[in-house]
C-alpha atoms as a PDB file:
ATOM      1  CA  MET A   1      24.164 -15.844 -22.350  1.00  0.00           C
ATOM      2  CA  SER A   2      26.795 -18.149 -20.950  1.00  0.00           C
ATOM      3  CA  GLY A   3      28.035 -17.149 -17.531  1.00  0.00           C
ATOM      4  CA  VAL A   4      25.848 -14.061 -17.269  1.00  0.00           C
ATOM      5  CA  GLU A   5      22.615 -13.694 -15.342  1.00  0.00           C
ATOM      6  CA  VAL A   6      20.063 -11.401 -17.014  1.00  0.00           C
ATOM      7  CA  THR A   7      16.833 -10.490 -15.271  1.00  0.00           C
ATOM      8  CA  GLU A   8      13.901  -8.179 -15.963  1.00  0.00           C
ATOM      9  CA  GLY A   9      11.884  -6.053 -13.605  1.00  0.00           C
ATOM     10  CA  THR A  10      10.104  -2.785 -13.010  1.00  0.00           C
ATOM     11  CA  VAL A  11      10.790   0.162 -10.743  1.00  0.00           C
ATOM     12  CA  GLN A  12       8.318   2.803  -9.582  1.00  0.00           C
ATOM     13  CA  VAL A  13       9.504   6.397  -9.701  1.00  0.00           C
ATOM     14  CA  GLY A  14       7.391   8.952  -7.882  1.00  0.00           C
ATOM     15  CA  SER A  15       6.950  11.339 -10.804  1.00  0.00           C
ATOM     16  CA  CYS A  16       5.792   8.583 -13.197  1.00  0.00           C
ATOM     17  CA  SER A  17       2.241   7.324 -13.466  1.00  0.00           C
ATOM     18  CA  ALA A  18       3.402   3.756 -14.155  1.00  0.00           C
ATOM     19  CA  PRO A  19       6.504   1.675 -13.388  1.00  0.00           C
ATOM     20  CA  LEU A  20       9.619   1.761 -15.559  1.00  0.00           C
ATOM     21  CA  PHE A  21      10.797  -1.483 -17.138  1.00  0.00           C
ATOM     22  CA  TYR A  22      14.437  -2.517 -16.868  1.00  0.00           C
ATOM     23  CA  ARG A  23      16.830  -5.297 -17.807  1.00  0.00           C
ATOM     24  CA  GLN A  24      19.723  -6.157 -15.537  1.00  0.00           C
ATOM     25  CA  SER A  25      22.894  -8.205 -15.913  1.00  0.00           C
ATOM     26  CA  SER A  26      25.295  -9.251 -13.186  1.00  0.00           C
ATOM     27  CA  PRO A  27      28.608 -11.113 -12.996  1.00  0.00           C
ATOM     28  CA  ALA A  28      28.202 -14.887 -12.881  1.00  0.00           C
ATOM     29  CA  CYS A  29      30.066 -15.030  -9.599  1.00  0.00           C
ATOM     30  CA  GLY A  30      31.472 -12.624  -7.047  1.00  0.00           C
ATOM     31  CA  GLU A  31      30.630  -9.044  -6.178  1.00  0.00           C
ATOM     32  CA  ALA A  32      30.157  -6.489  -8.945  1.00  0.00           C
ATOM     33  CA  LYS A  33      33.023  -4.002  -9.217  1.00  0.00           C
ATOM     34  CA  MET A  34      30.732  -1.137 -10.160  1.00  0.00           C
ATOM     35  CA  SER A  35      27.203  -0.278 -11.251  1.00  0.00           C
ATOM     36  CA  VAL A  36      26.312   0.966 -14.736  1.00  0.00           C
ATOM     37  CA  LEU A  37      23.049   2.609 -15.820  1.00  0.00           C
ATOM     38  CA  LEU A  38      22.286   2.396 -19.540  1.00  0.00           C
ATOM     39  CA  LEU A  39      19.845   4.887 -21.051  1.00  0.00           C
ATOM     40  CA  HIS A  40      18.724   5.071 -24.692  1.00  0.00           C
ATOM     41  CA  GLY A  41      17.569   7.209 -27.601  1.00  0.00           C
ATOM     42  CA  ILE A  42      14.066   7.984 -28.814  1.00  0.00           C
ATOM     43  CA  ARG A  43      13.826   5.099 -31.307  1.00  0.00           C
ATOM     44  CA  PHE A  44      15.451   2.590 -28.978  1.00  0.00           C
ATOM     45  CA  SER A  45      15.091   0.841 -25.635  1.00  0.00           C
ATOM     46  CA  SER A  46      16.886  -1.467 -23.213  1.00  0.00           C
ATOM     47  CA  GLU A  47      16.356  -4.248 -25.749  1.00  0.00           C
ATOM     48  CA  ASN A  48      19.083  -2.764 -27.952  1.00  0.00           C
ATOM     49  CA  TRP A  49      21.674  -3.115 -25.185  1.00  0.00           C
ATOM     50  CA  LEU A  50      20.594  -6.738 -24.789  1.00  0.00           C
ATOM     51  CA  ASN A  51      20.696  -7.512 -28.509  1.00  0.00           C
ATOM     52  CA  ILE A  52      24.149  -6.069 -29.239  1.00  0.00           C
ATOM     53  CA  GLY A  53      25.659  -7.716 -26.178  1.00  0.00           C
ATOM     54  CA  THR A  54      26.411  -4.667 -24.023  1.00  0.00           C
ATOM     55  CA  LEU A  55      24.643  -6.102 -20.981  1.00  0.00           C
ATOM     56  CA  GLU A  56      26.625  -9.319 -21.372  1.00  0.00           C
ATOM     57  CA  THR A  57      29.901  -7.462 -21.970  1.00  0.00           C
ATOM     58  CA  LEU A  58      29.492  -5.351 -18.853  1.00  0.00           C
ATOM     59  CA  ALA A  59      28.622  -8.342 -16.682  1.00  0.00           C
ATOM     60  CA  LYS A  60      31.664 -10.242 -17.961  1.00  0.00           C
ATOM     61  CA  ALA A  61      33.745  -7.171 -17.103  1.00  0.00           C
ATOM     62  CA  GLY A  62      32.548  -7.494 -13.515  1.00  0.00           C
ATOM     63  CA  CYS A  63      29.840  -4.820 -13.578  1.00  0.00           C
ATOM     64  CA  ARG A  64      26.222  -4.791 -12.524  1.00  0.00           C
ATOM     65  CA  ALA A  65      24.447  -3.219 -15.494  1.00  0.00           C
ATOM     66  CA  VAL A  66      20.885  -1.904 -15.500  1.00  0.00           C
ATOM     67  CA  ALA A  67      19.251  -0.750 -18.740  1.00  0.00           C
ATOM     68  CA  ILE A  68      15.964   1.059 -18.235  1.00  0.00           C
ATOM     69  CA  ASP A  69      13.239   1.910 -20.712  1.00  0.00           C
ATOM     70  CA  LEU A  70      12.667   5.637 -20.346  1.00  0.00           C
ATOM     71  CA  PRO A  71       9.125   6.994 -19.763  1.00  0.00           C
ATOM     72  CA  GLY A  72       6.858   6.678 -22.780  1.00  0.00           C
ATOM     73  CA  LEU A  73       9.267   4.387 -24.630  1.00  0.00           C
ATOM     74  CA  GLY A  74       9.958   0.660 -24.965  1.00  0.00           C
ATOM     75  CA  GLN A  75       8.115  -1.314 -22.279  1.00  0.00           C
ATOM     76  CA  SER A  76       7.663   1.874 -20.213  1.00  0.00           C
ATOM     77  CA  LYS A  77       5.110   3.311 -22.655  1.00  0.00           C
ATOM     78  CA  SER A  78       2.506   3.712 -19.918  1.00  0.00           C
ATOM     79  CA  ALA A  79       4.800   5.929 -17.854  1.00  0.00           C
ATOM     80  CA  VAL A  80       4.466   9.649 -18.534  1.00  0.00           C
ATOM     81  CA  ALA A  81       7.714  11.575 -18.970  1.00  0.00           C
ATOM     82  CA  PRO A  82       8.299  14.387 -16.450  1.00  0.00           C
ATOM     83  CA  VAL A  83       8.852  16.932 -19.260  1.00  0.00           C
ATOM     84  CA  GLU A  84       8.439  17.139 -23.039  1.00  0.00           C
ATOM     85  CA  VAL A  85      11.126  15.660 -25.278  1.00  0.00           C
ATOM     86  CA  GLY A  86      13.991  18.099 -25.710  1.00  0.00           C
ATOM     87  CA  GLN A  87      13.531  19.791 -22.329  1.00  0.00           C
ATOM     88  CA  LEU A  88      15.816  19.187 -19.373  1.00  0.00           C
ATOM     89  CA  ALA A  89      14.176  16.788 -16.931  1.00  0.00           C
ATOM     90  CA  PRO A  90      14.351  17.303 -13.164  1.00  0.00           C
ATOM     91  CA  ALA A  91      17.661  15.995 -11.816  1.00  0.00           C
ATOM     92  CA  GLY A  92      15.739  14.114  -9.153  1.00  0.00           C
ATOM     93  CA  PHE A  93      14.293  11.729 -11.736  1.00  0.00           C
ATOM     94  CA  LEU A  94      17.484   9.709 -12.316  1.00  0.00           C
ATOM     95  CA  LYS A  95      18.467  10.224  -8.693  1.00  0.00           C
ATOM     96  CA  GLU A  96      15.332   8.372  -7.633  1.00  0.00           C
ATOM     97  CA  VAL A  97      15.890   5.660 -10.256  1.00  0.00           C
ATOM     98  CA  CYS A  98      19.402   5.080  -8.918  1.00  0.00           C
ATOM     99  CA  GLU A  99      18.255   5.114  -5.289  1.00  0.00           C
ATOM    100  CA  ARG A 100      15.466   2.621  -5.892  1.00  0.00           C
ATOM    101  CA  LEU A 101      17.769   0.306  -7.858  1.00  0.00           C
ATOM    102  CA  ASN A 102      20.693   0.785  -5.442  1.00  0.00           C
ATOM    103  CA  LEU A 103      23.022   2.016  -8.183  1.00  0.00           C
ATOM    104  CA  SER A 104      24.992   4.828  -6.541  1.00  0.00           C
ATOM    105  CA  PRO A 105      27.697   5.706  -7.326  1.00  0.00           C
ATOM    106  CA  VAL A 106      26.863   4.855 -10.910  1.00  0.00           C
ATOM    107  CA  VAL A 107      28.446   4.987 -14.350  1.00  0.00           C
ATOM    108  CA  VAL A 108      25.876   6.616 -16.661  1.00  0.00           C
ATOM    109  CA  ILE A 109      25.804   5.714 -20.375  1.00  0.00           C
ATOM    110  CA  SER A 110      23.648   8.285 -22.126  1.00  0.00           C
ATOM    111  CA  PRO A 111      22.928   8.331 -25.874  1.00  0.00           C
ATOM    112  CA  SER A 112      20.859  10.863 -27.782  1.00  0.00           C
ATOM    113  CA  LEU A 113      17.419  11.606 -26.244  1.00  0.00           C
ATOM    114  CA  SER A 114      18.588  10.517 -22.789  1.00  0.00           C
ATOM    115  CA  GLY A 115      20.775  13.611 -22.486  1.00  0.00           C
ATOM    116  CA  MET A 116      17.645  15.416 -21.278  1.00  0.00           C
ATOM    117  CA  TYR A 117      17.745  13.138 -18.213  1.00  0.00           C
ATOM    118  CA  SER A 118      21.465  12.549 -17.680  1.00  0.00           C
ATOM    119  CA  LEU A 119      22.795  16.096 -17.947  1.00  0.00           C
ATOM    120  CA  PRO A 120      20.715  17.553 -15.077  1.00  0.00           C
ATOM    121  CA  PHE A 121      21.565  14.487 -12.950  1.00  0.00           C
ATOM    122  CA  LEU A 122      25.280  14.922 -13.681  1.00  0.00           C
ATOM    123  CA  LEU A 123      25.233  18.631 -12.878  1.00  0.00           C
ATOM    124  CA  GLU A 124      23.247  18.446  -9.648  1.00  0.00           C
ATOM    125  CA  HIS A 125      24.309  15.085  -8.246  1.00  0.00           C
ATOM    126  CA  GLN A 126      27.847  14.505  -9.425  1.00  0.00           C
ATOM    127  CA  SER A 127      28.743  12.847  -6.115  1.00  0.00           C
ATOM    128  CA  LEU A 128      26.415  10.014  -7.172  1.00  0.00           C
ATOM    129  CA  VAL A 129      28.075   9.614 -10.608  1.00  0.00           C
ATOM    130  CA  ARG A 130      31.193   7.475 -10.808  1.00  0.00           C
ATOM    131  CA  ALA A 131      31.709   8.239 -14.516  1.00  0.00           C
ATOM    132  CA  TYR A 132      29.754   9.662 -17.445  1.00  0.00           C
ATOM    133  CA  ILE A 133      29.683   8.248 -20.985  1.00  0.00           C
ATOM    134  CA  PRO A 134      27.599  10.511 -23.248  1.00  0.00           C
ATOM    135  CA  VAL A 135      26.999   9.250 -26.791  1.00  0.00           C
ATOM    136  CA  ALA A 136      25.974  12.277 -28.867  1.00  0.00           C
ATOM    137  CA  PRO A 137      23.234  13.311 -26.409  1.00  0.00           C
ATOM    138  CA  ILE A 138      20.675  16.054 -26.963  1.00  0.00           C
ATOM    139  CA  CYS A 139      20.373  19.163 -24.773  1.00  0.00           C
ATOM    140  CA  THR A 140      24.121  19.827 -24.528  1.00  0.00           C
ATOM    141  CA  ASP A 141      23.446  23.373 -25.773  1.00  0.00           C
ATOM    142  CA  LYS A 142      21.155  24.037 -22.789  1.00  0.00           C
ATOM    143  CA  ILE A 143      24.019  23.885 -20.275  1.00  0.00           C
ATOM    144  CA  LYS A 144      26.147  26.937 -19.439  1.00  0.00           C
ATOM    145  CA  ALA A 145      29.940  26.873 -19.595  1.00  0.00           C
ATOM    146  CA  GLU A 146      30.303  27.456 -15.857  1.00  0.00           C
ATOM    147  CA  GLN A 147      27.959  24.527 -15.170  1.00  0.00           C
ATOM    148  CA  TYR A 148      30.054  22.198 -17.293  1.00  0.00           C
ATOM    149  CA  GLN A 149      33.252  23.449 -15.699  1.00  0.00           C
ATOM    150  CA  SER A 150      32.011  22.668 -12.195  1.00  0.00           C
ATOM    151  CA  VAL A 151      31.792  18.923 -12.938  1.00  0.00           C
ATOM    152  CA  LYS A 152      34.804  16.811 -11.933  1.00  0.00           C
ATOM    153  CA  VAL A 153      33.409  13.411 -12.997  1.00  0.00           C
ATOM    154  CA  GLN A 154      35.534  11.348 -15.392  1.00  0.00           C
ATOM    155  CA  THR A 155      33.849  11.498 -18.802  1.00  0.00           C
ATOM    156  CA  LEU A 156      34.243   9.555 -22.049  1.00  0.00           C
ATOM    157  CA  ILE A 157      32.642  11.482 -24.932  1.00  0.00           C
ATOM    158  CA  VAL A 158      31.684   9.066 -27.722  1.00  0.00           C
ATOM    159  CA  TYR A 159      30.227   9.777 -31.141  1.00  0.00           C
ATOM    160  CA  GLY A 160      30.256   8.485 -34.712  1.00  0.00           C
ATOM    161  CA  ASP A 161      32.048  10.553 -37.333  1.00  0.00           C
ATOM    162  CA  GLN A 162      29.037  10.135 -39.653  1.00  0.00           C
ATOM    163  CA  ASP A 163      26.661  11.721 -37.125  1.00  0.00           C
ATOM    164  CA  ALA A 164      26.173  15.092 -38.793  1.00  0.00           C
ATOM    165  CA  GLN A 165      23.324  16.255 -36.548  1.00  0.00           C
ATOM    166  CA  PHE A 166      24.581  15.696 -32.995  1.00  0.00           C
ATOM    167  CA  GLY A 167      28.120  14.310 -33.152  1.00  0.00           C
ATOM    168  CA  GLU A 168      30.357  17.338 -33.444  1.00  0.00           C
ATOM    169  CA  VAL A 169      27.960  19.704 -31.675  1.00  0.00           C
ATOM    170  CA  SER A 170      27.736  17.479 -28.624  1.00  0.00           C
ATOM    171  CA  ARG A 171      31.504  17.003 -28.599  1.00  0.00           C
ATOM    172  CA  GLN A 172      32.127  20.754 -28.643  1.00  0.00           C
ATOM    173  CA  ASN A 173      29.722  21.393 -25.778  1.00  0.00           C
ATOM    174  CA  LEU A 174      30.716  18.391 -23.662  1.00  0.00           C
ATOM    175  CA  SER A 175      34.411  19.189 -24.093  1.00  0.00           C
ATOM    176  CA  GLN A 176      33.832  21.965 -21.552  1.00  0.00           C
ATOM    177  CA  LEU A 177      33.759  19.212 -18.924  1.00  0.00           C
ATOM    178  CA  PRO A 178      37.233  19.434 -17.332  1.00  0.00           C
ATOM    179  CA  ASN A 179      37.918  15.711 -16.874  1.00  0.00           C
ATOM    180  CA  HIS A 180      37.065  14.301 -20.299  1.00  0.00           C
ATOM    181  CA  ARG A 181      38.474  12.292 -23.152  1.00  0.00           C
ATOM    182  CA  VAL A 182      36.995  11.836 -26.640  1.00  0.00           C
ATOM    183  CA  ALA A 183      36.477   8.664 -28.687  1.00  0.00           C
ATOM    184  CA  VAL A 184      35.373   9.064 -32.309  1.00  0.00           C
ATOM    185  CA  MET A 185      33.983   5.926 -33.926  1.00  0.00           C
ATOM    186  CA  LYS A 186      34.989   5.874 -37.587  1.00  0.00           C
ATOM    187  CA  GLY A 187      32.297   5.148 -40.141  1.00  0.00           C
ATOM    188  CA  ALA A 188      29.561   5.111 -37.495  1.00  0.00           C
ATOM    189  CA  GLY A 189      26.406   7.209 -37.411  1.00  0.00           C
ATOM    190  CA  HIS A 190      24.276   8.598 -34.601  1.00  0.00           C
ATOM    191  CA  PRO A 191      23.640   5.224 -32.870  1.00  0.00           C
ATOM    192  CA  CYS A 192      27.350   4.429 -33.248  1.00  0.00           C
ATOM    193  CA  TYR A 193      27.178   1.562 -30.756  1.00  0.00           C
ATOM    194  CA  LEU A 194      24.725  -0.235 -33.068  1.00  0.00           C
ATOM    195  CA  ASP A 195      26.875   0.389 -36.145  1.00  0.00           C
ATOM    196  CA  ASP A 196      30.018  -1.085 -34.579  1.00  0.00           C
ATOM    197  CA  PRO A 197      29.336  -2.973 -31.346  1.00  0.00           C
ATOM    198  CA  ASP A 198      32.837  -4.473 -31.151  1.00  0.00           C
ATOM    199  CA  THR A 199      34.559  -1.083 -31.169  1.00  0.00           C
ATOM    200  CA  TRP A 200      31.958   0.285 -28.759  1.00  0.00           C
ATOM    201  CA  HIS A 201      32.528  -2.533 -26.303  1.00  0.00           C
ATOM    202  CA  LYS A 202      36.292  -2.132 -26.416  1.00  0.00           C
ATOM    203  CA  LEU A 203      36.030   1.612 -25.777  1.00  0.00           C
ATOM    204  CA  LEU A 204      33.631   0.951 -22.933  1.00  0.00           C
ATOM    205  CA  THR A 205      35.570  -1.786 -21.167  1.00  0.00           C
ATOM    206  CA  ASP A 206      38.930  -0.008 -21.560  1.00  0.00           C
ATOM    207  CA  PHE A 207      37.502   3.164 -20.027  1.00  0.00           C
ATOM    208  CA  LEU A 208      35.811   1.327 -17.151  1.00  0.00           C
ATOM    209  CA  ALA A 209      38.995  -0.624 -16.415  1.00  0.00           C
ATOM    210  CA  GLY A 210      40.762   2.675 -15.792  1.00  0.00           C
ATOM    211  CA  LEU A 211      38.293   3.988 -13.219  1.00  0.00           C
END
């Protein structure tokens, strides 16, 4: 990747039995303007963000981007998740990840499965979240209206219009966040960023430029 430094590493989180793997990209020169944490869905990993160029795009936009493999997935298979899939994880899990990787305040990109981690973190530690970019995450129905309404973090709700299972449902629930905007990716399915990386990257960089 021309002009972009990409490294790999692991981070130990107290509640996990084994370290979590991550990939990181940084601007070629100068200080990063902001930090971005990329999560992923159940069939995916940090490798997807590498392959479609999101890590490179964020670094070229002046961001430090860290994509972790969540517990039990990708190259973090040995790490045991703090809760079962579909349950809300303790908010302290991502808090510790961000502390150990020096990511606060952080922009959180959270597709699908990762909603079980990002939503509790957003609700309980919004002072640590610079912005929130949910991409049709799960668990949006487990949050009460008053909880959503207490969050002041700038939010970009993204989903594909072909995502029949989570797209519209997540949009309806997440739209209770007071400071949000919505981006619908035409012709894209549940992993809309994989279906149309160019549109995804433009949405992402335009939103980040306005923070």
